[in-house]
Amino acid sequence: MQPDYRVADHAGNPATLYDTDIIAWANRQAALLRAGRFTELDIEHVADEIEDVARSEQRELGSRMAVLLAHLIKWRHQPERRGRSWQLTIRNQRHGIERRLARTPSLKHSLCDPDWWADAWADAFGLAFKETGLDDLPESCPWPTEQILNPDWLPD
């Protein structure tokens, strides 16, 4: 029998603790797990939250890659504006990506996924366009992954 997690929201309408206070819900689920009270768990929402952790890690990697690519685009297409700030951003994003991949090795499969790269490039294109007005960029990323992540490489 699945436990009833219904509570009243602020207006007195039926709701779940998951819907009204995610932190209290998470603390309750953790306590139930630690106590071995598995039959009382909100299994469906626990599974959703675990999957969301994975999506969050993927979003973080994609966001870092988009920022890195946007700065590489700017570096390549605006040589007159190159500066220390861009170099630091490029270095920091590469380092952040490296740390993320080391901590979560299963994310490396994203780097082989053409759809993931298409999304990262589209986000990078949007960032670069917003900051520079550049709109004559290639439709897909022109650089191989090894180059993008190489700490010694910058596009000419």
Protein backbone atom coordinates (compact mmCIF):
# COMPACT_ATOMS: atom_id res chain seq x y z
CA MET A 1 0.00 0.00 0.00
CA GLN A 2 1.42 3.37 -1.06
CA PRO A 3 1.44 5.96 1.74
CA ASP A 4 -0.76 9.05 1.50
CA TYR A 5 1.32 12.21 1.25
CA ARG A 6 -1.62 14.57 0.96
CA VAL A 7 -1.55 17.74 2.99
CA ALA A 8 -3.34 21.04 2.65
CA ASP A 9 -1.69 23.88 0.80
CA HIS A 10 -1.87 27.49 2.02
CA ALA A 11 -5.40 27.86 0.62
CA GLY A 12 -6.57 24.64 2.26
CA ASN A 13 -6.64 22.72 -1.02
CA PRO A 14 -5.44 19.11 -1.05
CA ALA A 15 -1.79 18.89 -2.10
CA THR A 16 1.23 16.73 -1.42
CA LEU A 17 4.18 17.62 0.76
CA TYR A 18 6.23 17.19 -2.41
CA ASP A 19 4.16 19.96 -4.04
CA THR A 20 4.12 22.33 -1.08
CA ASP A 21 7.57 21.98 0.52
CA ILE A 22 10.16 20.07 -1.49
CA ILE A 23 12.82 20.51 1.21
CA ALA A 24 10.63 19.04 3.95
CA TRP A 25 9.65 16.23 1.55
CA ALA A 26 13.33 15.49 0.71
CA ASN A 27 14.33 15.46 4.38
CA ARG A 28 11.45 13.08 5.15
CA GLN A 29 12.47 10.75 2.30
CA ALA A 30 16.09 10.74 3.48
CA ALA A 31 15.01 9.93 7.03
CA LEU A 32 12.78 7.09 5.79
CA LEU A 33 15.64 5.67 3.71
CA ARG A 34 18.07 5.82 6.61
CA ALA A 35 15.53 4.17 8.90
CA GLY A 36 14.95 1.38 6.38
CA ARG A 37 11.25 2.27 6.14
CA PHE A 38 11.13 1.65 2.40
CA THR A 39 7.40 0.97 2.16
CA GLU A 40 6.71 4.52 3.33
CA LEU A 41 8.78 6.16 0.58
CA ASP A 42 7.21 8.31 -2.11
CA ILE A 43 8.85 6.11 -4.77
CA GLU A 44 7.56 7.90 -7.86
CA HIS A 45 8.79 11.31 -6.73
CA VAL A 46 12.07 9.88 -5.40
CA ALA A 47 12.70 8.39 -8.85
CA ASP A 48 11.82 11.73 -10.51
CA GLU A 49 14.25 13.59 -8.26
CA ILE A 50 17.06 11.12 -8.91
CA GLU A 51 16.53 11.55 -12.66
CA ASP A 52 16.50 15.31 -12.18
CA VAL A 53 19.95 15.14 -10.57
CA ALA A 54 21.24 13.58 -13.79
CA ARG A 55 19.51 16.23 -15.90
CA SER A 56 20.99 18.94 -13.71
CA GLU A 57 24.50 17.59 -14.25
CA GLN A 58 23.86 17.46 -18.01
CA ARG A 59 22.56 21.05 -17.99
CA GLU A 60 25.65 22.19 -16.09
CA LEU A 61 27.95 20.57 -18.63
CA GLY A 62 25.96 22.03 -21.53
CA SER A 63 25.96 25.49 -19.98
CA ARG A 64 29.71 25.44 -19.40
CA MET A 65 30.32 24.20 -22.94
CA ALA A 66 28.09 26.93 -24.42
CA VAL A 67 29.98 29.64 -22.53
CA LEU A 68 33.32 28.13 -23.59
CA LEU A 69 32.26 27.90 -27.24
CA ALA A 70 30.85 31.44 -27.21
CA HIS A 71 34.19 32.76 -26.00
CA LEU A 72 36.08 30.70 -28.56
CA ILE A 73 33.77 32.13 -31.23
CA LYS A 74 34.47 35.66 -30.01
CA TRP A 75 38.21 34.91 -29.84
CA ARG A 76 38.18 33.67 -33.43
CA HIS A 77 35.95 36.34 -34.95
CA GLN A 78 36.95 39.41 -32.95
CA PRO A 79 40.76 39.31 -32.67
CA GLU A 80 40.88 43.03 -31.98
CA ARG A 81 38.88 42.54 -28.77
CA ARG A 82 40.87 39.65 -27.33
CA GLY A 83 41.89 40.17 -23.76
CA ARG A 84 42.67 38.68 -20.39
CA SER A 85 38.99 38.44 -19.43
CA TRP A 86 38.20 36.17 -22.38
CA GLN A 87 41.28 34.05 -21.66
CA LEU A 88 40.21 33.63 -18.03
CA THR A 89 36.68 32.68 -19.01
CA ILE A 90 37.98 30.12 -21.51
CA ARG A 91 40.38 28.67 -18.95
CA ASN A 92 37.75 28.59 -16.18
CA GLN A 93 35.15 26.91 -18.36
CA ARG A 94 37.62 24.28 -19.55
CA HIS A 95 38.62 23.62 -15.96
CA GLY A 96 34.97 23.42 -14.88
CA ILE A 97 34.18 20.98 -17.68
CA GLU A 98 37.21 18.86 -16.78
CA ARG A 99 36.12 18.74 -13.12
CA ARG A 100 32.53 17.91 -14.05
CA LEU A 101 33.66 15.05 -16.32
CA ALA A 102 36.04 13.72 -13.66
CA ARG A 103 33.32 13.76 -11.00
CA THR A 104 30.65 12.35 -13.30
CA PRO A 105 32.36 10.18 -15.95
CA SER A 106 29.05 9.09 -17.48
CA LEU A 107 28.67 12.64 -18.82
CA LYS A 108 31.46 11.91 -21.31
CA HIS A 109 28.90 10.21 -23.55
CA SER A 110 27.37 13.66 -24.14
CA LEU A 111 30.56 14.68 -25.91
CA CYS A 112 29.85 11.97 -28.52
CA ASP A 113 26.20 12.91 -29.03
CA PRO A 114 25.56 15.02 -32.16
CA ASP A 115 22.25 16.30 -30.75
CA TRP A 116 23.97 17.46 -27.56
CA TRP A 117 26.60 19.28 -29.64
CA ALA A 118 23.91 20.87 -31.80
CA ASP A 119 22.24 22.24 -28.67
CA ALA A 120 25.54 23.43 -27.18
CA TRP A 121 26.47 25.15 -30.45
CA ALA A 122 23.05 26.78 -30.76
CA ASP A 123 23.35 28.11 -27.20
CA ALA A 124 26.89 29.33 -27.87
CA PHE A 125 25.80 30.97 -31.12
CA GLY A 126 23.01 32.75 -29.23
CA LEU A 127 25.39 33.98 -26.53
CA ALA A 128 27.96 35.16 -29.05
CA PHE A 129 25.32 36.90 -31.17
CA LYS A 130 23.82 38.62 -28.14
CA GLU A 131 27.20 39.95 -27.06
CA THR A 132 28.69 40.78 -30.46
CA GLY A 133 26.05 40.84 -33.19
CA LEU A 134 28.02 38.18 -35.09
CA ASP A 135 25.64 36.19 -37.26
CA ASP A 136 27.83 34.70 -39.98
CA LEU A 137 28.95 31.69 -37.96
CA PRO A 138 29.00 28.08 -39.13
CA GLU A 139 25.84 26.05 -38.52
CA SER A 140 27.76 23.49 -36.48
CA CYS A 141 30.85 23.57 -34.33
CA PRO A 142 33.95 23.69 -36.56
CA TRP A 143 36.37 22.42 -33.91
CA PRO A 144 36.89 18.87 -32.63
CA THR A 145 36.25 18.19 -28.96
CA GLU A 146 39.92 17.55 -28.25
CA GLN A 147 40.81 21.03 -29.49
CA ILE A 148 37.99 22.74 -27.61
CA LEU A 149 39.06 21.16 -24.34
CA ASN A 150 42.82 21.52 -24.93
CA PRO A 151 44.08 24.11 -22.41
CA ASP A 152 46.81 25.23 -24.84
CA TRP A 153 44.56 25.81 -27.87
CA LEU A 154 42.84 28.96 -29.04
CA PRO A 155 41.34 29.45 -32.50
CA ASP A 156 43.33 31.72 -34.80
